Amino acid sequence: MAFDNRRPDRVAEAIREEVAQFLADGVKDPRVRGLVTVTGVEVTRDLRHARVFVSIMGDDAAKAETFAGLAGVAGHLRGRIGRSLRLRAAPEIEFRNDASVAHAARIETLLEQLQREREAKEDDAESSDRTTGAASPDASTE
């Protein structure tokens, strides 16, 4: 029987949706708090292991505590995924930090800062031209 190359991708997407729904419904573990976003899931070809990438907003201590909470609910989540997706063997769930969202936010902040600096520099140049009495290039001389 030929292996369906798309099945792990379909299962990964279904797992991503199920984990996101689980987190949205409210996790009972008090260590899981703040904004937790499921950014992606990678599933091995044999569907035995799933890496769930999450982005967690907050300081390092809150992130560590949230990861501990997620590890604590991984077993329950594994059973829920196995039942909802009707998998013969539910994959082992491993949560990993996805820093891409924080990285993108940092880049966005830096770009905004550069834009503000550029606009301030242009404003300074225009105001210094006005105060020194520099003639505009289209001014006619008589």
Protein backbone atom coordinates (compact mmCIF):
# COMPACT_ATOMS: atom_id res chain seq x y z
CA MET A 1 0.00 0.00 0.00
CA ALA A 2 1.40 3.41 -0.99
CA PHE A 3 1.91 5.99 1.72
CA ASP A 4 -0.28 9.07 1.52
CA ASN A 5 2.12 12.01 1.79
CA ARG A 6 -0.65 14.41 2.68
CA ARG A 7 -2.05 12.51 5.65
CA PRO A 8 0.51 13.77 8.21
CA ASP A 9 -0.21 17.33 7.05
CA ARG A 10 -3.95 16.82 7.41
CA VAL A 11 -3.54 15.23 10.85
CA ALA A 12 -1.20 18.04 11.93
CA GLU A 13 -3.77 20.66 10.93
CA ALA A 14 -6.53 18.77 12.75
CA ILE A 15 -4.34 18.54 15.86
CA ARG A 16 -3.59 22.27 15.64
CA GLU A 17 -7.32 23.04 15.55
CA GLU A 18 -8.08 20.65 18.42
CA VAL A 19 -5.31 22.06 20.65
CA ALA A 20 -6.37 25.62 19.86
CA GLN A 21 -9.98 24.76 20.76
CA PHE A 22 -8.81 23.07 23.96
CA LEU A 23 -6.87 26.19 24.96
CA ALA A 24 -9.74 28.50 23.98
CA ASP A 25 -12.22 26.50 26.08
CA GLY A 26 -10.06 27.12 29.12
CA VAL A 27 -7.47 24.77 30.52
CA LYS A 28 -8.12 23.61 34.07
CA ASP A 29 -4.42 23.80 35.01
CA PRO A 30 -3.85 27.16 36.76
CA ARG A 31 -0.26 27.28 35.48
CA VAL A 32 -1.53 27.82 31.94
CA ARG A 33 -2.39 31.50 31.85
CA GLY A 34 -2.08 34.44 29.56
CA LEU A 35 -2.28 34.44 25.82
CA VAL A 36 -1.22 31.09 24.36
CA THR A 37 -1.37 30.83 20.56
CA VAL A 38 -0.90 27.61 18.64
CA THR A 39 1.24 28.56 15.65
CA GLY A 40 1.84 25.17 14.10
CA VAL A 41 2.11 21.42 14.48
CA GLU A 42 4.62 18.98 13.06
CA VAL A 43 3.69 15.30 13.01
CA THR A 44 6.06 12.44 12.30
CA ARG A 45 5.31 10.31 9.30
CA ASP A 46 4.10 7.42 11.45
CA LEU A 47 1.78 9.82 13.39
CA ARG A 48 3.28 8.74 16.74
CA HIS A 49 4.73 12.11 17.79
CA ALA A 50 3.45 15.64 17.41
CA ARG A 51 5.38 18.83 18.12
CA VAL A 52 2.96 21.61 18.92
CA PHE A 53 4.49 25.07 18.50
CA VAL A 54 2.99 27.73 20.75
CA SER A 55 3.63 31.40 21.26
CA ILE A 56 3.17 32.61 24.81
CA MET A 57 2.98 36.28 25.71
CA GLY A 58 4.51 37.29 29.01
CA ASP A 59 7.78 37.32 30.87
CA ASP A 60 10.14 34.35 31.07
CA ALA A 61 8.81 33.14 34.42
CA ALA A 62 5.22 33.11 33.13
CA LYS A 63 6.33 31.29 29.98
CA ALA A 64 8.17 28.63 31.98
CA GLU A 65 5.16 28.13 34.23
CA THR A 66 2.81 27.92 31.24
CA PHE A 67 5.04 25.34 29.54
CA ALA A 68 5.01 23.28 32.74
CA GLY A 69 1.22 23.49 32.76
CA LEU A 70 1.00 22.49 29.10
CA ALA A 71 3.26 19.50 29.76
CA GLY A 72 0.91 18.57 32.60
CA VAL A 73 -2.18 18.55 30.39
CA ALA A 74 -0.45 16.84 27.44
CA GLY A 75 -1.69 13.39 28.49
CA HIS A 76 -5.29 14.55 28.73
CA LEU A 77 -4.94 16.38 25.45
CA ARG A 78 -3.49 13.24 23.80
CA GLY A 79 -6.61 11.27 24.75
CA ARG A 80 -8.89 14.03 23.54
CA ILE A 81 -7.09 14.21 20.18
CA GLY A 82 -7.19 10.42 19.78
CA ARG A 83 -10.94 10.35 20.37
CA SER A 84 -11.83 13.38 18.26
CA LEU A 85 -9.64 12.39 15.28
CA ARG A 86 -10.39 8.66 15.67
CA LEU A 87 -6.75 7.72 15.50
CA ARG A 88 -5.69 4.16 16.31
CA ALA A 89 -2.77 5.50 18.34
CA ALA A 90 -2.88 9.09 19.50
CA PRO A 91 0.44 10.92 19.04
CA GLU A 92 2.56 11.92 21.99
CA ILE A 93 2.28 15.67 22.39
CA GLU A 94 5.35 17.82 22.92
CA PHE A 95 4.99 21.58 23.30
CA ARG A 96 7.72 23.80 21.89
CA ASN A 97 8.22 27.54 22.02
CA ASP A 98 7.70 29.38 18.76
CA ALA A 99 9.59 32.63 18.99
CA SER A 100 8.63 33.75 15.48
CA VAL A 101 5.68 35.83 16.71
CA ALA A 102 7.85 37.66 19.25
CA HIS A 103 10.57 38.05 16.64
CA ALA A 104 8.09 39.53 14.16
CA ALA A 105 6.80 41.94 16.81
CA ARG A 106 10.37 43.04 17.55
CA ILE A 107 11.04 43.66 13.85
CA GLU A 108 7.80 45.63 13.57
CA THR A 109 8.81 47.79 16.55
CA LEU A 110 12.23 48.48 15.05
CA LEU A 111 10.72 49.42 11.68
CA GLU A 112 8.29 51.82 13.36
CA GLN A 113 11.16 53.38 15.31
CA LEU A 114 13.19 53.87 12.10
CA GLN A 115 10.18 55.47 10.40
CA ARG A 116 9.70 57.90 13.31
CA GLU A 117 13.39 58.80 13.25
CA ARG A 118 13.30 59.37 9.48
CA GLU A 119 10.21 61.59 9.78
CA ALA A 120 11.83 63.57 12.63
CA LYS A 121 14.99 64.07 10.58
CA GLU A 122 12.94 65.30 7.59
CA ASP A 123 10.99 67.68 9.84
CA ASP A 124 14.26 69.06 11.28
CA ALA A 125 15.67 69.59 7.79
CA GLU A 126 12.55 71.47 6.66
CA SER A 127 12.51 73.68 9.76
CA SER A 128 16.22 74.51 9.42
CA ASP A 129 15.68 75.47 5.76
CA ARG A 130 12.94 77.87 6.82
CA THR A 131 15.01 79.46 9.60
CA THR A 132 18.17 79.99 7.54
CA GLY A 133 16.20 81.66 4.81
CA ALA A 134 17.27 79.22 2.12
CA ALA A 135 15.68 80.11 -1.13
CA SER A 136 13.58 77.49 -2.81
CA PRO A 137 14.84 76.35 -6.20
CA ASP A 138 11.80 77.76 -8.02
CA ALA A 139 12.10 81.27 -6.53
CA SER A 140 12.73 83.89 -9.21
CA THR A 141 15.44 86.47 -8.81
CA GLU A 142 14.89 89.98 -10.16
